[in-house]
All heavy atoms as atom14 arrays in JSON, in Angstrom:
{
  "sequence": "WDSTSAVIPMIAPNMFLDFYNFQFSLSQNLPQLTQDI",
  "atom14_mask": [
    [1, 1, 1, 1, 1, 1, 1, 1, 1, 1, 1, 1, 1, 1],
    [1, 1, 1, 1, 1, 1, 1, 1, 0, 0, 0, 0, 0, 0],
    [1, 1, 1, 1, 1, 1, 0, 0, 0, 0, 0, 0, 0, 0],
    [1, 1, 1, 1, 1, 1, 1, 0, 0, 0, 0, 0, 0, 0],
    [1, 1, 1, 1, 1, 1, 0, 0, 0, 0, 0, 0, 0, 0],
    [1, 1, 1, 1, 1, 0, 0, 0, 0, 0, 0, 0, 0, 0],
    [1, 1, 1, 1, 1, 1, 1, 0, 0, 0, 0, 0, 0, 0],
    [1, 1, 1, 1, 1, 1, 1, 1, 0, 0, 0, 0, 0, 0],
    [1, 1, 1, 1, 1, 1, 1, 0, 0, 0, 0, 0, 0, 0],
    [1, 1, 1, 1, 1, 1, 1, 1, 0, 0, 0, 0, 0, 0],
    [1, 1, 1, 1, 1, 1, 1, 1, 0, 0, 0, 0, 0, 0],
    [1, 1, 1, 1, 1, 0, 0, 0, 0, 0, 0, 0, 0, 0],
    [1, 1, 1, 1, 1, 1, 1, 0, 0, 0, 0, 0, 0, 0],
    [1, 1, 1, 1, 1, 1, 1, 1, 0, 0, 0, 0, 0, 0],
    [1, 1, 1, 1, 1, 1, 1, 1, 0, 0, 0, 0, 0, 0],
    [1, 1, 1, 1, 1, 1, 1, 1, 1, 1, 1, 0, 0, 0],
    [1, 1, 1, 1, 1, 1, 1, 1, 0, 0, 0, 0, 0, 0],
    [1, 1, 1, 1, 1, 1, 1, 1, 0, 0, 0, 0, 0, 0],
    [1, 1, 1, 1, 1, 1, 1, 1, 1, 1, 1, 0, 0, 0],
    [1, 1, 1, 1, 1, 1, 1, 1, 1, 1, 1, 1, 0, 0],
    [1, 1, 1, 1, 1, 1, 1, 1, 0, 0, 0, 0, 0, 0],
    [1, 1, 1, 1, 1, 1, 1, 1, 1, 1, 1, 0, 0, 0],
    [1, 1, 1, 1, 1, 1, 1, 1, 1, 0, 0, 0, 0, 0],
    [1, 1, 1, 1, 1, 1, 1, 1, 1, 1, 1, 0, 0, 0],
    [1, 1, 1, 1, 1, 1, 0, 0, 0, 0, 0, 0, 0, 0],
    [1, 1, 1, 1, 1, 1, 1, 1, 0, 0, 0, 0, 0, 0],
    [1, 1, 1, 1, 1, 1, 0, 0, 0, 0, 0, 0, 0, 0],
    [1, 1, 1, 1, 1, 1, 1, 1, 1, 0, 0, 0, 0, 0],
    [1, 1, 1, 1, 1, 1, 1, 1, 0, 0, 0, 0, 0, 0],
    [1, 1, 1, 1, 1, 1, 1, 1, 0, 0, 0, 0, 0, 0],
    [1, 1, 1, 1, 1, 1, 1, 0, 0, 0, 0, 0, 0, 0],
    [1, 1, 1, 1, 1, 1, 1, 1, 1, 0, 0, 0, 0, 0],
    [1, 1, 1, 1, 1, 1, 1, 1, 0, 0, 0, 0, 0, 0],
    [1, 1, 1, 1, 1, 1, 1, 0, 0, 0, 0, 0, 0, 0],
    [1, 1, 1, 1, 1, 1, 1, 1, 1, 0, 0, 0, 0, 0],
    [1, 1, 1, 1, 1, 1, 1, 1, 0, 0, 0, 0, 0, 0],
    [1, 1, 1, 1, 1, 1, 1, 1, 0, 0, 0, 0, 0, 0]
  ],
  "atom14_positions": [
    [[-14.98, 9.93, -7.84], [-14.82, 11.04, -6.8], [-15.53, 12.21, -7.17], [-15.63, 12.5, -8.38], [-13.2, 11.35, -6.64], [-13.07, 12.22, -5.48], [-12.87, 11.94, -4.17], [-12.97, 13.67, -5.5], [-12.69, 12.96, -3.38], [-12.84, 14.13, -4.24], [-13.2, 14.55, -6.47], [-12.7, 15.54, -3.93], [-13.15, 15.88, -6.23], [-12.78, 16.37, -4.9]],
    [[-16.05, 12.92, -6.18], [-16.61, 14.24, -6.4], [-16.39, 14.99, -5.07], [-15.75, 14.4, -4.04], [-18.04, 14.27, -6.76], [-18.96, 13.58, -5.67], [-18.76, 13.83, -4.6], [-19.89, 12.96, -6.16], [0.0, 0.0, 0.0], [0.0, 0.0, 0.0], [0.0, 0.0, 0.0], [0.0, 0.0, 0.0], [0.0, 0.0, 0.0], [0.0, 0.0, 0.0]],
    [[-16.69, 16.31, -5.13], [-16.44, 17.1, -3.93], [-16.99, 16.72, -2.57], [-16.63, 17.13, -1.46], [-16.71, 18.61, -4.22], [-18.04, 18.65, -4.52], [0.0, 0.0, 0.0], [0.0, 0.0, 0.0], [0.0, 0.0, 0.0], [0.0, 0.0, 0.0], [0.0, 0.0, 0.0], [0.0, 0.0, 0.0], [0.0, 0.0, 0.0], [0.0, 0.0, 0.0]],
    [[-18.04, 15.86, -2.68], [-18.7, 15.31, -1.52], [-18.18, 14.07, -0.98], [-18.58, 13.58, 0.04], [-20.31, 15.22, -1.72], [-20.51, 14.24, -2.7], [-20.87, 16.57, -2.12], [0.0, 0.0, 0.0], [0.0, 0.0, 0.0], [0.0, 0.0, 0.0], [0.0, 0.0, 0.0], [0.0, 0.0, 0.0], [0.0, 0.0, 0.0], [0.0, 0.0, 0.0]],
    [[-17.26, 13.38, -1.67], [-16.74, 12.07, -1.35], [-15.94, 12.13, -0.07], [-15.15, 13.03, 0.13], [-15.83, 11.47, -2.44], [-16.58, 11.36, -3.67], [0.0, 0.0, 0.0], [0.0, 0.0, 0.0], [0.0, 0.0, 0.0], [0.0, 0.0, 0.0], [0.0, 0.0, 0.0], [0.0, 0.0, 0.0], [0.0, 0.0, 0.0], [0.0, 0.0, 0.0]],
    [[-15.97, 11.08, 0.66], [-15.34, 11.08, 2.0], [-13.82, 10.52, 1.87], [-12.99, 10.69, 2.74], [-16.21, 10.22, 3.09], [0.0, 0.0, 0.0], [0.0, 0.0, 0.0], [0.0, 0.0, 0.0], [0.0, 0.0, 0.0], [0.0, 0.0, 0.0], [0.0, 0.0, 0.0], [0.0, 0.0, 0.0], [0.0, 0.0, 0.0], [0.0, 0.0, 0.0]],
    [[-13.72, 9.74, 0.75], [-12.49, 8.92, 0.73], [-11.9, 9.3, -0.77], [-12.76, 9.19, -1.68], [-12.59, 7.46, 0.95], [-11.28, 6.72, 0.63], [-13.06, 7.21, 2.4], [0.0, 0.0, 0.0], [0.0, 0.0, 0.0], [0.0, 0.0, 0.0], [0.0, 0.0, 0.0], [0.0, 0.0, 0.0], [0.0, 0.0, 0.0], [0.0, 0.0, 0.0]],
    [[-10.61, 9.39, -0.88], [-10.09, 9.47, -2.36], [-9.6, 8.08, -2.76], [-8.8, 7.36, -2.05], [-8.8, 10.41, -2.26], [-9.14, 11.74, -1.68], [-8.24, 10.43, -3.62], [-7.9, 12.6, -1.44], [0.0, 0.0, 0.0], [0.0, 0.0, 0.0], [0.0, 0.0, 0.0], [0.0, 0.0, 0.0], [0.0, 0.0, 0.0], [0.0, 0.0, 0.0]],
    [[-10.18, 7.53, -3.77], [-9.64, 6.27, -4.17], [-8.38, 6.31, -4.89], [-8.08, 7.23, -5.59], [-10.8, 5.74, -5.16], [-11.4, 7.01, -5.56], [-11.31, 8.0, -4.52], [0.0, 0.0, 0.0], [0.0, 0.0, 0.0], [0.0, 0.0, 0.0], [0.0, 0.0, 0.0], [0.0, 0.0, 0.0], [0.0, 0.0, 0.0], [0.0, 0.0, 0.0]],
    [[-7.54, 5.34, -4.6], [-6.14, 5.38, -5.23], [-5.83, 3.94, -5.82], [-6.29, 2.95, -5.36], [-5.1, 5.73, -4.18], [-5.2, 7.13, -3.59], [-3.98, 7.55, -2.39], [-4.55, 6.46, -0.94], [0.0, 0.0, 0.0], [0.0, 0.0, 0.0], [0.0, 0.0, 0.0], [0.0, 0.0, 0.0], [0.0, 0.0, 0.0], [0.0, 0.0, 0.0]],
    [[-5.08, 3.87, -6.92], [-4.47, 2.69, -7.57], [-3.09, 2.8, -7.45], [-2.42, 3.79, -7.81], [-5.0, 2.65, -8.97], [-6.42, 2.36, -9.02], [-4.24, 1.47, -9.69], [-6.96, 2.39, -10.51], [0.0, 0.0, 0.0], [0.0, 0.0, 0.0], [0.0, 0.0, 0.0], [0.0, 0.0, 0.0], [0.0, 0.0, 0.0], [0.0, 0.0, 0.0]],
    [[-2.49, 1.73, -6.86], [-1.09, 1.7, -6.56], [-0.33, 0.59, -7.55], [-0.9, -0.36, -7.84], [-0.67, 1.39, -5.2], [0.0, 0.0, 0.0], [0.0, 0.0, 0.0], [0.0, 0.0, 0.0], [0.0, 0.0, 0.0], [0.0, 0.0, 0.0], [0.0, 0.0, 0.0], [0.0, 0.0, 0.0], [0.0, 0.0, 0.0], [0.0, 0.0, 0.0]],
    [[0.81, 0.82, -7.93], [1.58, -0.07, -8.69], [1.98, -1.28, -7.89], [2.24, -1.17, -6.71], [2.69, 0.59, -9.26], [2.91, 1.83, -8.62], [1.67, 2.12, -7.72], [0.0, 0.0, 0.0], [0.0, 0.0, 0.0], [0.0, 0.0, 0.0], [0.0, 0.0, 0.0], [0.0, 0.0, 0.0], [0.0, 0.0, 0.0], [0.0, 0.0, 0.0]],
    [[1.9, -2.4, -8.53], [2.25, -3.72, -7.68], [3.72, -3.6, -7.2], [4.04, -4.16, -6.32], [2.1, -4.95, -8.63], [0.6, -5.47, -8.58], [0.11, -5.73, -7.53], [0.09, -5.79, -9.73], [0.0, 0.0, 0.0], [0.0, 0.0, 0.0], [0.0, 0.0, 0.0], [0.0, 0.0, 0.0], [0.0, 0.0, 0.0], [0.0, 0.0, 0.0]],
    [[4.57, -2.94, -8.05], [5.91, -2.93, -7.59], [6.16, -2.13, -6.27], [7.0, -2.41, -5.48], [6.77, -2.22, -8.62], [6.45, -0.72, -9.06], [7.45, -0.06, -10.32], [8.95, 0.07, -9.45], [0.0, 0.0, 0.0], [0.0, 0.0, 0.0], [0.0, 0.0, 0.0], [0.0, 0.0, 0.0], [0.0, 0.0, 0.0], [0.0, 0.0, 0.0]],
    [[5.21, -1.16, -5.93], [5.19, -0.38, -4.67], [5.01, -1.49, -3.47], [5.81, -1.41, -2.43], [4.17, 0.59, -4.56], [4.5, 1.84, -5.19], [5.5, 1.99, -6.14], [3.79, 3.11, -4.78], [5.78, 3.11, -6.79], [4.2, 4.28, -5.43], [5.2, 4.31, -6.45], [0.0, 0.0, 0.0], [0.0, 0.0, 0.0], [0.0, 0.0, 0.0]],
    [[4.02, -2.33, -3.68], [3.86, -3.26, -2.69], [4.92, -4.38, -2.47], [5.38, -4.82, -1.32], [2.47, -4.05, -2.85], [1.91, -5.0, -1.8], [1.8, -4.2, -0.5], [0.54, -5.67, -2.16], [0.0, 0.0, 0.0], [0.0, 0.0, 0.0], [0.0, 0.0, 0.0], [0.0, 0.0, 0.0], [0.0, 0.0, 0.0], [0.0, 0.0, 0.0]],
    [[5.45, -4.72, -3.59], [6.63, -5.48, -3.55], [7.78, -4.95, -2.89], [8.51, -5.6, -2.05], [6.97, -6.07, -5.05], [6.0, -6.86, -5.71], [5.22, -7.62, -4.96], [5.92, -7.09, -6.93], [0.0, 0.0, 0.0], [0.0, 0.0, 0.0], [0.0, 0.0, 0.0], [0.0, 0.0, 0.0], [0.0, 0.0, 0.0], [0.0, 0.0, 0.0]],
    [[8.06, -3.74, -3.25], [9.11, -3.02, -2.56], [9.0, -2.95, -1.06], [9.92, -3.25, -0.32], [9.21, -1.48, -3.09], [10.26, -0.69, -2.26], [11.55, -0.89, -2.46], [9.81, 0.31, -1.48], [12.37, 0.06, -1.73], [10.55, 1.03, -0.7], [12.01, 0.87, -0.88], [0.0, 0.0, 0.0], [0.0, 0.0, 0.0], [0.0, 0.0, 0.0]],
    [[7.72, -2.72, -0.6], [7.47, -2.7, 0.83], [7.63, -3.92, 1.48], [8.3, -4.05, 2.49], [6.04, -2.2, 1.06], [5.64, -2.25, 2.52], [5.99, -1.33, 3.51], [4.89, -3.43, 2.99], [5.68, -1.45, 4.85], [4.44, -3.6, 4.28], [4.91, -2.62, 5.14], [4.56, -2.82, 6.59], [0.0, 0.0, 0.0], [0.0, 0.0, 0.0]],
    [[7.08, -5.06, 0.91], [7.01, -6.37, 1.52], [8.39, -6.95, 1.65], [8.73, -7.63, 2.59], [6.0, -7.34, 0.81], [4.61, -7.07, 1.22], [4.37, -6.8, 2.34], [3.71, -7.22, 0.17], [0.0, 0.0, 0.0], [0.0, 0.0, 0.0], [0.0, 0.0, 0.0], [0.0, 0.0, 0.0], [0.0, 0.0, 0.0], [0.0, 0.0, 0.0]],
    [[9.17, -6.83, 0.65], [10.38, -7.54, 0.58], [11.74, -6.71, 0.73], [12.83, -7.24, 0.73], [10.48, -8.26, -0.77], [9.43, -9.18, -1.14], [8.4, -8.85, -2.12], [9.22, -10.33, -0.35], [7.47, -9.61, -2.25], [8.18, -11.16, -0.59], [7.21, -10.8, -1.62], [0.0, 0.0, 0.0], [0.0, 0.0, 0.0], [0.0, 0.0, 0.0]],
    [[11.54, -5.45, 1.0], [12.74, -4.59, 1.27], [12.37, -3.74, 2.54], [13.02, -3.79, 3.58], [13.0, -3.69, 0.1], [13.54, -4.46, -1.12], [13.97, -3.67, -2.22], [14.67, -2.55, -2.05], [13.64, -4.04, -3.49], [0.0, 0.0, 0.0], [0.0, 0.0, 0.0], [0.0, 0.0, 0.0], [0.0, 0.0, 0.0], [0.0, 0.0, 0.0]],
    [[11.36, -2.85, 2.38], [11.19, -1.82, 3.46], [10.7, -2.49, 4.61], [11.17, -2.1, 5.73], [10.16, -0.8, 2.76], [9.95, 0.37, 3.89], [10.84, 1.34, 3.89], [8.86, 0.41, 4.69], [10.76, 2.51, 4.64], [8.77, 1.51, 5.49], [9.63, 2.56, 5.54], [0.0, 0.0, 0.0], [0.0, 0.0, 0.0], [0.0, 0.0, 0.0]],
    [[9.72, -3.42, 4.72], [9.18, -4.05, 5.91], [10.33, -4.66, 6.69], [10.35, -4.73, 7.82], [7.95, -4.83, 5.54], [8.47, -5.93, 4.76], [0.0, 0.0, 0.0], [0.0, 0.0, 0.0], [0.0, 0.0, 0.0], [0.0, 0.0, 0.0], [0.0, 0.0, 0.0], [0.0, 0.0, 0.0], [0.0, 0.0, 0.0], [0.0, 0.0, 0.0]],
    [[11.19, -5.41, 5.88], [12.26, -6.24, 6.52], [13.22, -5.24, 7.28], [13.73, -5.6, 8.35], [12.91, -7.01, 5.58], [12.01, -8.17, 4.78], [12.82, -8.89, 3.78], [11.45, -9.05, 5.85], [0.0, 0.0, 0.0], [0.0, 0.0, 0.0], [0.0, 0.0, 0.0], [0.0, 0.0, 0.0], [0.0, 0.0, 0.0], [0.0, 0.0, 0.0]],
    [[13.52, -4.18, 6.58], [14.53, -3.26, 7.29], [13.93, -2.44, 8.37], [14.65, -2.09, 9.26], [15.03, -2.28, 6.23], [14.04, -1.46, 5.68], [0.0, 0.0, 0.0], [0.0, 0.0, 0.0], [0.0, 0.0, 0.0], [0.0, 0.0, 0.0], [0.0, 0.0, 0.0], [0.0, 0.0, 0.0], [0.0, 0.0, 0.0], [0.0, 0.0, 0.0]],
    [[12.64, -2.18, 8.45], [12.01, -1.39, 9.47], [11.21, -2.24, 10.49], [10.55, -1.59, 11.29], [11.04, -0.42, 8.74], [11.64, 0.56, 7.75], [12.74, 1.45, 8.29], [12.45, 1.9, 9.36], [13.88, 1.55, 7.66], [0.0, 0.0, 0.0], [0.0, 0.0, 0.0], [0.0, 0.0, 0.0], [0.0, 0.0, 0.0], [0.0, 0.0, 0.0]],
    [[11.34, -3.5, 10.36], [10.64, -4.43, 11.19], [9.13, -4.23, 11.31], [8.51, -4.17, 12.31], [11.13, -4.33, 12.64], [10.87, -5.48, 13.57], [10.61, -6.63, 13.09], [10.7, -5.2, 14.86], [0.0, 0.0, 0.0], [0.0, 0.0, 0.0], [0.0, 0.0, 0.0], [0.0, 0.0, 0.0], [0.0, 0.0, 0.0], [0.0, 0.0, 0.0]],
    [[8.62, -4.05, 10.1], [7.15, -3.86, 9.89], [6.51, -5.09, 9.41], [7.15, -5.92, 8.73], [6.88, -2.67, 9.02], [7.37, -1.3, 9.51], [7.21, -0.25, 8.39], [6.57, -0.85, 10.69], [0.0, 0.0, 0.0], [0.0, 0.0, 0.0], [0.0, 0.0, 0.0], [0.0, 0.0, 0.0], [0.0, 0.0, 0.0], [0.0, 0.0, 0.0]],
    [[5.25, -5.38, 9.5], [4.54, -6.5, 9.08], [4.44, -6.5, 7.59], [4.2, -5.41, 6.94], [3.16, -6.52, 9.7], [2.91, -5.06, 10.02], [4.31, -4.58, 10.39], [0.0, 0.0, 0.0], [0.0, 0.0, 0.0], [0.0, 0.0, 0.0], [0.0, 0.0, 0.0], [0.0, 0.0, 0.0], [0.0, 0.0, 0.0], [0.0, 0.0, 0.0]],
    [[4.46, -7.72, 6.97], [4.24, -7.8, 5.57], [2.67, -7.74, 5.29], [1.89, -8.18, 6.13], [4.8, -9.07, 4.94], [6.37, -9.04, 4.93], [6.86, -10.36, 4.23], [6.39, -11.45, 4.53], [7.86, -10.07, 3.44], [0.0, 0.0, 0.0], [0.0, 0.0, 0.0], [0.0, 0.0, 0.0], [0.0, 0.0, 0.0], [0.0, 0.0, 0.0]],
    [[2.26, -7.15, 4.15], [0.82, -6.91, 3.82], [0.46, -7.49, 2.48], [1.22, -7.5, 1.58], [0.57, -5.48, 3.76], [0.99, -4.59, 5.03], [0.87, -3.21, 4.81], [0.12, -5.12, 6.33], [0.0, 0.0, 0.0], [0.0, 0.0, 0.0], [0.0, 0.0, 0.0], [0.0, 0.0, 0.0], [0.0, 0.0, 0.0], [0.0, 0.0, 0.0]],
    [[-0.64, -8.14, 2.48], [-1.28, -8.6, 1.19], [-2.0, -7.53, 0.68], [-2.36, -6.51, 1.18], [-2.08, -9.96, 1.42], [-3.27, -9.47, 2.24], [-1.27, -11.04, 2.16], [0.0, 0.0, 0.0], [0.0, 0.0, 0.0], [0.0, 0.0, 0.0], [0.0, 0.0, 0.0], [0.0, 0.0, 0.0], [0.0, 0.0, 0.0], [0.0, 0.0, 0.0]],
    [[-2.41, -7.71, -0.74], [-3.25, -6.72, -1.38], [-4.58, -6.48, -0.71], [-5.08, -5.3, -0.56], [-3.44, -7.13, -2.78], [-2.29, -6.88, -3.68], [-2.65, -7.29, -5.19], [-3.8, -7.4, -5.45], [-1.61, -7.36, -6.09], [0.0, 0.0, 0.0], [0.0, 0.0, 0.0], [0.0, 0.0, 0.0], [0.0, 0.0, 0.0], [0.0, 0.0, 0.0]],
    [[-5.25, -7.62, -0.12], [-6.49, -7.52, 0.54], [-6.37, -6.71, 1.61], [-7.29, -5.87, 2.17], [-7.09, -8.91, 0.84], [-7.43, -9.67, -0.5], [-7.86, -8.97, -1.61], [-7.4, -10.88, -0.53], [0.0, 0.0, 0.0], [0.0, 0.0, 0.0], [0.0, 0.0, 0.0], [0.0, 0.0, 0.0], [0.0, 0.0, 0.0], [0.0, 0.0, 0.0]],
    [[-5.22, -6.84, 2.46], [-5.1, -6.1, 3.82], [-4.94, -4.58, 3.51], [-5.51, -3.76, 4.13], [-3.92, -6.6, 4.53], [-4.31, -8.04, 5.04], [-3.61, -5.74, 5.74], [-2.99, -8.72, 5.71], [0.0, 0.0, 0.0], [0.0, 0.0, 0.0], [0.0, 0.0, 0.0], [0.0, 0.0, 0.0], [0.0, 0.0, 0.0], [0.0, 0.0, 0.0]]
  ]
}
């Protein structure tokens, strides 16, 4: 990244995605997501 970059790259922990797919998405009626998506 530098001051001219259009996008901020981010790295997320796998546990965040697991929490979303198996807890949050089910309670909020949201679609489950793979890493590629």
